[in-house]
């Protein structure tokens, strides 16, 4: 199965090697320095769109291998929609509830692709991402509020997965320097980190320029997009200049 067909069928690709060990170690060390400056509490979910002032994040968001994979599923024209770190420190009960990324993003049509870059090794023990294959083909589903404490999602959103969907869930185990890609409507989440290791991942959000923003995003803000591949023939988003470091 070719990558585009696999992505269309399952809603995700995983285990894609972006960086060899030396480069992956450099990116982890860069994050370690950022973590020391920002503090662990802010690093859990507070580091949003830091690619505008941290060169290593911009490097990852525009990494040739990540953009090459994204072009295969999104097409040649790509806008960087945003970046966001999700960092789980263990052992603790913080989790990410089942959800679909684009639910509260205000996009029409609700189409986006997320690359999840592993700063640290991500596995079952430290709460790797889990996905429900094929769930993107059913479109958007209703989300409520999570009744469990510890949900890392920005507005505590959660959808209810059926027992069959729970049974079908797949763990996306990644080594540092690897990525997974998933469709914006794929149902996914993650369990708590019950290890003593950190589990840090950088989510990189991409859209095609034809997508139209119809409202502010889930944080009540306008998207700050940057063209990272091809051309923008639509000018639907307010474009930001390429960061300069």
C-alpha atoms as a PDB file:
ATOM      1  CA  UNK A   1       0.000   0.000   0.000  1.00  0.00           C
ATOM      2  CA  UNK A   2       1.514   3.342  -1.022  1.00  0.00           C
ATOM      3  CA  UNK A   3       1.674   6.096   1.619  1.00  0.00           C
ATOM      4  CA  UNK A   4      -1.110   8.218   0.129  1.00  0.00           C
ATOM      5  CA  UNK A   5      -3.494   5.264  -0.101  1.00  0.00           C
ATOM      6  CA  UNK A   6      -2.562   4.111   3.405  1.00  0.00           C
ATOM      7  CA  UNK A   7      -3.207   7.603   4.745  1.00  0.00           C
ATOM      8  CA  UNK A   8      -6.566   7.829   2.972  1.00  0.00           C
ATOM      9  CA  UNK A   9      -7.566   4.374   4.249  1.00  0.00           C
ATOM     10  CA  UNK A  10      -6.343   4.497   7.846  1.00  0.00           C
ATOM     11  CA  UNK A  11      -6.053   8.226   8.481  1.00  0.00           C
ATOM     12  CA  UNK A  12      -2.446   8.093   9.604  1.00  0.00           C
ATOM     13  CA  UNK A  13       1.144   7.112   8.817  1.00  0.00           C
ATOM     14  CA  UNK A  14       3.699   6.297  11.493  1.00  0.00           C
ATOM     15  CA  UNK A  15       7.323   5.371  12.131  1.00  0.00           C
ATOM     16  CA  UNK A  16       8.640   7.865   9.568  1.00  0.00           C
ATOM     17  CA  UNK A  17      12.323   8.575  10.237  1.00  0.00           C
ATOM     18  CA  UNK A  18      13.076  12.290  10.006  1.00  0.00           C
ATOM     19  CA  UNK A  19      16.342  12.612  11.914  1.00  0.00           C
ATOM     20  CA  UNK A  20      19.273  10.341  12.526  1.00  0.00           C
ATOM     21  CA  UNK A  21      20.458   9.986  16.122  1.00  0.00           C
ATOM     22  CA  UNK A  22      22.852  12.960  16.191  1.00  0.00           C
ATOM     23  CA  UNK A  23      20.250  15.387  14.800  1.00  0.00           C
ATOM     24  CA  UNK A  24      17.513  13.987  17.051  1.00  0.00           C
ATOM     25  CA  UNK A  25      19.803  14.443  20.071  1.00  0.00           C
ATOM     26  CA  UNK A  26      20.439  18.072  19.081  1.00  0.00           C
ATOM     27  CA  UNK A  27      16.711  18.798  18.903  1.00  0.00           C
ATOM     28  CA  UNK A  28      16.145  17.133  22.278  1.00  0.00           C
ATOM     29  CA  UNK A  29      18.949  19.224  23.810  1.00  0.00           C
ATOM     30  CA  UNK A  30      17.377  22.361  22.323  1.00  0.00           C
ATOM     31  CA  UNK A  31      14.092  21.463  23.957  1.00  0.00           C
ATOM     32  CA  UNK A  32      15.850  20.718  27.243  1.00  0.00           C
ATOM     33  CA  UNK A  33      17.206  24.281  27.207  1.00  0.00           C
ATOM     34  CA  UNK A  34      13.751  25.674  26.418  1.00  0.00           C
ATOM     35  CA  UNK A  35      12.250  23.575  29.211  1.00  0.00           C
ATOM     36  CA  UNK A  36      14.819  24.911  31.686  1.00  0.00           C
ATOM     37  CA  UNK A  37      13.895  28.477  30.701  1.00  0.00           C
ATOM     38  CA  UNK A  38      10.111  28.019  30.594  1.00  0.00           C
ATOM     39  CA  UNK A  39       9.571  25.552  33.448  1.00  0.00           C
ATOM     40  CA  UNK A  40       7.929  22.143  33.289  1.00  0.00           C
ATOM     41  CA  UNK A  41       4.458  23.397  34.125  1.00  0.00           C
ATOM     42  CA  UNK A  42       4.377  25.696  31.099  1.00  0.00           C
ATOM     43  CA  UNK A  43       5.996  23.058  28.882  1.00  0.00           C
ATOM     44  CA  UNK A  44       3.147  20.589  29.459  1.00  0.00           C
ATOM     45  CA  UNK A  45       0.758  22.381  27.075  1.00  0.00           C
ATOM     46  CA  UNK A  46       1.762  26.051  27.165  1.00  0.00           C
ATOM     47  CA  UNK A  47       4.327  26.231  24.352  1.00  0.00           C
ATOM     48  CA  UNK A  48       2.253  27.296  21.346  1.00  0.00           C
ATOM     49  CA  UNK A  49       3.641  28.745  18.088  1.00  0.00           C
ATOM     50  CA  UNK A  50       7.144  29.017  19.490  1.00  0.00           C
ATOM     51  CA  UNK A  51       8.499  28.538  15.955  1.00  0.00           C
ATOM     52  CA  UNK A  52       8.415  32.328  15.656  1.00  0.00           C
ATOM     53  CA  UNK A  53      11.101  32.773  18.312  1.00  0.00           C
ATOM     54  CA  UNK A  54      12.854  29.375  18.567  1.00  0.00           C
ATOM     55  CA  UNK A  55      14.916  28.461  15.513  1.00  0.00           C
ATOM     56  CA  UNK A  56      14.967  24.723  16.228  1.00  0.00           C
ATOM     57  CA  UNK A  57      11.168  24.575  16.166  1.00  0.00           C
ATOM     58  CA  UNK A  58      11.067  26.448  12.861  1.00  0.00           C
ATOM     59  CA  UNK A  59      13.684  23.994  11.534  1.00  0.00           C
ATOM     60  CA  UNK A  60      11.432  21.081  12.455  1.00  0.00           C
ATOM     61  CA  UNK A  61       8.280  22.680  11.058  1.00  0.00           C
ATOM     62  CA  UNK A  62      10.058  23.169   7.719  1.00  0.00           C
ATOM     63  CA  UNK A  63      12.218  20.048   7.812  1.00  0.00           C
ATOM     64  CA  UNK A  64      12.552  18.731   4.235  1.00  0.00           C
ATOM     65  CA  UNK A  65      11.610  15.168   5.207  1.00  0.00           C
ATOM     66  CA  UNK A  66       8.505  16.281   7.121  1.00  0.00           C
ATOM     67  CA  UNK A  67       7.367  18.522   4.269  1.00  0.00           C
ATOM     68  CA  UNK A  68       8.049  15.762   1.739  1.00  0.00           C
ATOM     69  CA  UNK A  69       5.759  13.368   3.623  1.00  0.00           C
ATOM     70  CA  UNK A  70       3.121  16.068   4.115  1.00  0.00           C
ATOM     71  CA  UNK A  71       3.091  16.906   0.399  1.00  0.00           C
ATOM     72  CA  UNK A  72       2.279  13.267  -0.360  1.00  0.00           C
ATOM     73  CA  UNK A  73      -0.996  13.501   1.554  1.00  0.00           C
ATOM     74  CA  UNK A  74      -1.864  17.210   1.364  1.00  0.00           C
ATOM     75  CA  UNK A  75      -0.524  18.287  -2.014  1.00  0.00           C
ATOM     76  CA  UNK A  76       2.252  20.671  -3.084  1.00  0.00           C
ATOM     77  CA  UNK A  77       0.856  23.861  -1.524  1.00  0.00           C
ATOM     78  CA  UNK A  78       1.122  23.929   2.272  1.00  0.00           C
ATOM     79  CA  UNK A  79       0.554  26.501   4.995  1.00  0.00           C
ATOM     80  CA  UNK A  80       2.014  26.012   8.458  1.00  0.00           C
ATOM     81  CA  UNK A  81      -0.993  26.543  10.707  1.00  0.00           C
ATOM     82  CA  UNK A  82       0.750  26.292  14.061  1.00  0.00           C
ATOM     83  CA  UNK A  83       2.990  24.324  16.421  1.00  0.00           C
ATOM     84  CA  UNK A  84       2.278  23.052  19.912  1.00  0.00           C
ATOM     85  CA  UNK A  85       4.279  20.944  22.370  1.00  0.00           C
ATOM     86  CA  UNK A  86       2.576  18.242  24.418  1.00  0.00           C
ATOM     87  CA  UNK A  87       4.820  17.194  27.265  1.00  0.00           C
ATOM     88  CA  UNK A  88       3.858  14.552  29.819  1.00  0.00           C
ATOM     89  CA  UNK A  89       5.982  14.118  32.912  1.00  0.00           C
ATOM     90  CA  UNK A  90       5.750  10.884  34.805  1.00  0.00           C
ATOM     91  CA  UNK A  91       4.574   9.236  36.754  1.00  0.00           C
ATOM     92  CA  UNK A  92       1.302  11.177  36.801  1.00  0.00           C
ATOM     93  CA  UNK A  93      -2.258  10.855  35.532  1.00  0.00           C
ATOM     94  CA  UNK A  94      -2.281  13.572  32.837  1.00  0.00           C
ATOM     95  CA  UNK A  95      -3.812  12.236  29.624  1.00  0.00           C
ATOM     96  CA  UNK A  96      -5.174  13.367  26.246  1.00  0.00           C
ATOM     97  CA  UNK A  97      -8.840  12.487  25.759  1.00  0.00           C
ATOM     98  CA  UNK A  98     -10.224  11.011  22.539  1.00  0.00           C
ATOM     99  CA  UNK A  99     -10.735  13.888  20.125  1.00  0.00           C
ATOM    100  CA  UNK A 100     -10.481  15.101  16.537  1.00  0.00           C
ATOM    101  CA  UNK A 101      -8.043  17.958  15.956  1.00  0.00           C
ATOM    102  CA  UNK A 102     -10.137  20.162  13.685  1.00  0.00           C
ATOM    103  CA  UNK A 103     -13.328  20.157  15.797  1.00  0.00           C
ATOM    104  CA  UNK A 104     -12.799  23.644  17.219  1.00  0.00           C
ATOM    105  CA  UNK A 105     -10.366  25.037  14.679  1.00  0.00           C
ATOM    106  CA  UNK A 106     -12.908  26.958  12.598  1.00  0.00           C
ATOM    107  CA  UNK A 107     -11.807  25.572   9.226  1.00  0.00           C
ATOM    108  CA  UNK A 108     -14.009  25.051   6.165  1.00  0.00           C
ATOM    109  CA  UNK A 109     -13.733  22.405   4.939  1.00  0.00           C
ATOM    110  CA  UNK A 110     -12.421  20.902   8.216  1.00  0.00           C
ATOM    111  CA  UNK A 111      -9.248  19.516   6.662  1.00  0.00           C
ATOM    112  CA  UNK A 112      -5.764  19.585   8.162  1.00  0.00           C
ATOM    113  CA  UNK A 113      -2.780  17.294   8.707  1.00  0.00           C
ATOM    114  CA  UNK A 114      -0.813  17.023  11.950  1.00  0.00           C
ATOM    115  CA  UNK A 115       2.781  15.836  12.111  1.00  0.00           C
ATOM    116  CA  UNK A 116       3.714  14.560  15.586  1.00  0.00           C
ATOM    117  CA  UNK A 117       7.491  14.759  16.049  1.00  0.00           C
ATOM    118  CA  UNK A 118       8.971  12.699  18.876  1.00  0.00           C
ATOM    119  CA  UNK A 119      11.406  14.791  20.927  1.00  0.00           C
ATOM    120  CA  UNK A 120      11.707  11.784  23.276  1.00  0.00           C
ATOM    121  CA  UNK A 121      11.073   8.100  22.659  1.00  0.00           C
ATOM    122  CA  UNK A 122       7.310   7.633  22.865  1.00  0.00           C
ATOM    123  CA  UNK A 123       5.910   4.231  23.852  1.00  0.00           C
ATOM    124  CA  UNK A 124       3.105   2.568  25.790  1.00  0.00           C
ATOM    125  CA  UNK A 125       4.864   3.005  29.116  1.00  0.00           C
ATOM    126  CA  UNK A 126       5.168   6.786  28.888  1.00  0.00           C
ATOM    127  CA  UNK A 127       1.822   7.436  27.181  1.00  0.00           C
ATOM    128  CA  UNK A 128       2.328   7.403  23.415  1.00  0.00           C
ATOM    129  CA  UNK A 129      -0.382   8.624  21.086  1.00  0.00           C
ATOM    130  CA  UNK A 130      -3.176   6.175  20.251  1.00  0.00           C
ATOM    131  CA  UNK A 131      -5.382   6.337  17.152  1.00  0.00           C
ATOM    132  CA  UNK A 132      -8.566   4.664  15.938  1.00  0.00           C
ATOM    133  CA  UNK A 133      -7.801   3.607  12.346  1.00  0.00           C
ATOM    134  CA  UNK A 134     -10.330   4.695   9.742  1.00  0.00           C
ATOM    135  CA  UNK A 135     -12.283   6.912  12.130  1.00  0.00           C
ATOM    136  CA  UNK A 136     -11.568   9.961   9.933  1.00  0.00           C
ATOM    137  CA  UNK A 137     -13.875   8.601   7.238  1.00  0.00           C
ATOM    138  CA  UNK A 138     -16.977   9.287   9.358  1.00  0.00           C
ATOM    139  CA  UNK A 139     -16.425  13.062   9.497  1.00  0.00           C
ATOM    140  CA  UNK A 140     -16.694  15.228  12.581  1.00  0.00           C
ATOM    141  CA  UNK A 141     -18.290  13.829  15.715  1.00  0.00           C
ATOM    142  CA  UNK A 142     -19.862  15.594  18.674  1.00  0.00           C
ATOM    143  CA  UNK A 143     -17.479  16.484  21.498  1.00  0.00           C
ATOM    144  CA  UNK A 144     -18.431  17.095  25.103  1.00  0.00           C
ATOM    145  CA  UNK A 145     -16.366  17.979  28.156  1.00  0.00           C
ATOM    146  CA  UNK A 146     -14.224  15.363  29.842  1.00  0.00           C
ATOM    147  CA  UNK A 147     -15.425  14.334  33.297  1.00  0.00           C
ATOM    148  CA  UNK A 148     -11.990  13.011  34.217  1.00  0.00           C
ATOM    149  CA  UNK A 149      -9.375  15.282  35.756  1.00  0.00           C
ATOM    150  CA  UNK A 150      -6.037  15.674  33.996  1.00  0.00           C
ATOM    151  CA  UNK A 151      -7.105  16.161  30.355  1.00  0.00           C
ATOM    152  CA  UNK A 152      -4.337  18.095  28.579  1.00  0.00           C
ATOM    153  CA  UNK A 153      -6.574  19.367  25.770  1.00  0.00           C
ATOM    154  CA  UNK A 154      -6.965  23.138  25.637  1.00  0.00           C
ATOM    155  CA  UNK A 155     -10.708  23.326  26.368  1.00  0.00           C
ATOM    156  CA  UNK A 156     -11.121  19.902  28.040  1.00  0.00           C
ATOM    157  CA  UNK A 157     -12.889  18.458  24.995  1.00  0.00           C
ATOM    158  CA  UNK A 158     -13.600  14.734  24.656  1.00  0.00           C
ATOM    159  CA  UNK A 159     -15.632  12.487  22.402  1.00  0.00           C
ATOM    160  CA  UNK A 160     -17.007   9.108  23.388  1.00  0.00           C
ATOM    161  CA  UNK A 161     -15.496   6.159  21.542  1.00  0.00           C
ATOM    162  CA  UNK A 162     -17.484   2.941  21.259  1.00  0.00           C
ATOM    163  CA  UNK A 163     -16.184  -0.310  22.831  1.00  0.00           C
ATOM    164  CA  UNK A 164     -15.368  -1.597  19.330  1.00  0.00           C
ATOM    165  CA  UNK A 165     -13.395   1.564  18.569  1.00  0.00           C
ATOM    166  CA  UNK A 166     -11.524   1.276  21.859  1.00  0.00           C
ATOM    167  CA  UNK A 167     -10.663  -2.306  20.967  1.00  0.00           C
ATOM    168  CA  UNK A 168      -9.371  -1.259  17.539  1.00  0.00           C
ATOM    169  CA  UNK A 169      -7.087   1.509  18.873  1.00  0.00           C
ATOM    170  CA  UNK A 170      -3.438   1.376  17.772  1.00  0.00           C
ATOM    171  CA  UNK A 171      -0.439   2.673  19.743  1.00  0.00           C
ATOM    172  CA  UNK A 172       1.909   4.861  17.686  1.00  0.00           C
ATOM    173  CA  UNK A 173       5.294   3.952  19.135  1.00  0.00           C
ATOM    174  CA  UNK A 174       8.018   6.343  17.979  1.00  0.00           C
ATOM    175  CA  UNK A 175      11.724   6.737  18.557  1.00  0.00           C
ATOM    176  CA  UNK A 176      13.104  10.235  19.051  1.00  0.00           C
ATOM    177  CA  UNK A 177      13.552  11.739  15.600  1.00  0.00           C
ATOM    178  CA  UNK A 178      10.560   9.958  14.072  1.00  0.00           C
ATOM    179  CA  UNK A 179       7.119  11.323  13.217  1.00  0.00           C
ATOM    180  CA  UNK A 180       3.601  10.161  12.681  1.00  0.00           C
ATOM    181  CA  UNK A 181       1.165  11.991  10.402  1.00  0.00           C
ATOM    182  CA  UNK A 182      -2.575  11.997  11.000  1.00  0.00           C
ATOM    183  CA  UNK A 183      -5.670  13.429   9.402  1.00  0.00           C
ATOM    184  CA  UNK A 184      -7.344  16.267  11.287  1.00  0.00           C
ATOM    185  CA  UNK A 185     -10.530  14.237  11.703  1.00  0.00           C
ATOM    186  CA  UNK A 186      -8.835  11.040  12.937  1.00  0.00           C
ATOM    187  CA  UNK A 187      -9.890  10.140  16.487  1.00  0.00           C
ATOM    188  CA  UNK A 188      -6.834   9.978  18.729  1.00  0.00           C
ATOM    189  CA  UNK A 189      -5.647  10.537  22.275  1.00  0.00           C
ATOM    190  CA  UNK A 190      -3.121   9.177  24.764  1.00  0.00           C
ATOM    191  CA  UNK A 191      -3.010   7.475  28.147  1.00  0.00           C
ATOM    192  CA  UNK A 192      -1.109   8.767  31.210  1.00  0.00           C
ATOM    193  CA  UNK A 193       2.662   8.598  31.486  1.00  0.00           C
ATOM    194  CA  UNK A 194       3.217   6.068  34.250  1.00  0.00           C
ATOM    195  CA  UNK A 195       6.973   5.842  33.710  1.00  0.00           C
ATOM    196  CA  UNK A 196       9.716   7.997  35.187  1.00  0.00           C
ATOM    197  CA  UNK A 197      10.621   9.275  31.688  1.00  0.00           C
ATOM    198  CA  UNK A 198       9.401  12.433  29.991  1.00  0.00           C
ATOM    199  CA  UNK A 199       7.259  12.071  26.878  1.00  0.00           C
ATOM    200  CA  UNK A 200       7.564  15.175  24.749  1.00  0.00           C
ATOM    201  CA  UNK A 201       6.173  15.593  21.255  1.00  0.00           C
ATOM    202  CA  UNK A 202       5.905  18.585  18.939  1.00  0.00           C
ATOM    203  CA  UNK A 203       2.669  18.771  16.959  1.00  0.00           C
ATOM    204  CA  UNK A 204       3.028  20.612  13.657  1.00  0.00           C
ATOM    205  CA  UNK A 205      -0.252  21.583  11.971  1.00  0.00           C
ATOM    206  CA  UNK A 206      -0.561  22.022   8.213  1.00  0.00           C
ATOM    207  CA  UNK A 207      -3.404  22.997   5.860  1.00  0.00           C
ATOM    208  CA  UNK A 208      -3.850  23.537   2.146  1.00  0.00           C
ATOM    209  CA  UNK A 209      -4.306  27.219   1.190  1.00  0.00           C
ATOM    210  CA  UNK A 210      -7.795  26.486  -0.194  1.00  0.00           C
ATOM    211  CA  UNK A 211      -9.108  25.929   3.338  1.00  0.00           C
ATOM    212  CA  UNK A 212     -11.045  28.892   4.706  1.00  0.00           C
ATOM    213  CA  UNK A 213     -10.937  30.043   8.353  1.00  0.00           C
ATOM    214  CA  UNK A 214     -14.541  30.792   9.351  1.00  0.00           C
ATOM    215  CA  UNK A 215     -13.963  31.682  13.008  1.00  0.00           C
ATOM    216  CA  UNK A 216     -11.182  32.073  15.536  1.00  0.00           C
ATOM    217  CA  UNK A 217      -9.425  28.923  16.710  1.00  0.00           C
ATOM    218  CA  UNK A 218     -10.127  27.025  19.934  1.00  0.00           C
ATOM    219  CA  UNK A 219      -8.010  29.519  21.902  1.00  0.00           C
ATOM    220  CA  UNK A 220     -10.042  32.431  20.549  1.00  0.00           C
ATOM    221  CA  UNK A 221      -7.180  33.640  18.377  1.00  0.00           C
ATOM    222  CA  UNK A 222      -6.544  34.123  14.657  1.00  0.00           C
ATOM    223  CA  UNK A 223      -4.273  31.611  12.977  1.00  0.00           C
ATOM    224  CA  UNK A 224      -0.781  32.926  12.202  1.00  0.00           C
ATOM    225  CA  UNK A 225       0.073  31.005   9.053  1.00  0.00           C
ATOM    226  CA  UNK A 226       3.293  30.842   7.071  1.00  0.00           C
ATOM    227  CA  UNK A 227       3.622  29.437   3.548  1.00  0.00           C
ATOM    228  CA  UNK A 228       6.132  26.568   3.752  1.00  0.00           C
ATOM    229  CA  UNK A 229       5.627  24.829   0.384  1.00  0.00           C
ATOM    230  CA  UNK A 230       4.369  25.806  -3.053  1.00  0.00           C
ATOM    231  CA  UNK A 231       2.060  28.763  -3.585  1.00  0.00           C
ATOM    232  CA  UNK A 232      -0.915  30.388  -1.880  1.00  0.00           C
ATOM    233  CA  UNK A 233      -3.397  31.321  -4.613  1.00  0.00           C
ATOM    234  CA  UNK A 234      -6.270  31.949  -2.187  1.00  0.00           C
ATOM    235  CA  UNK A 235      -5.012  34.300   0.544  1.00  0.00           C
ATOM    236  CA  UNK A 236      -7.686  33.013   2.927  1.00  0.00           C
ATOM    237  CA  UNK A 237      -5.445  33.395   5.965  1.00  0.00           C
ATOM    238  CA  UNK A 238      -3.552  36.379   7.269  1.00  0.00           C
ATOM    239  CA  UNK A 239      -0.020  35.499   6.251  1.00  0.00           C
ATOM    240  CA  UNK A 240       2.913  36.013   8.589  1.00  0.00           C
ATOM    241  CA  UNK A 241       6.449  36.643   7.358  1.00  0.00           C
ATOM    242  CA  UNK A 242       8.945  33.816   7.480  1.00  0.00           C
ATOM    243  CA  UNK A 243      10.766  33.908  10.825  1.00  0.00           C
ATOM    244  CA  UNK A 244      14.299  35.220  10.642  1.00  0.00           C
ATOM    245  CA  UNK A 245      16.954  34.010  13.067  1.00  0.00           C
END
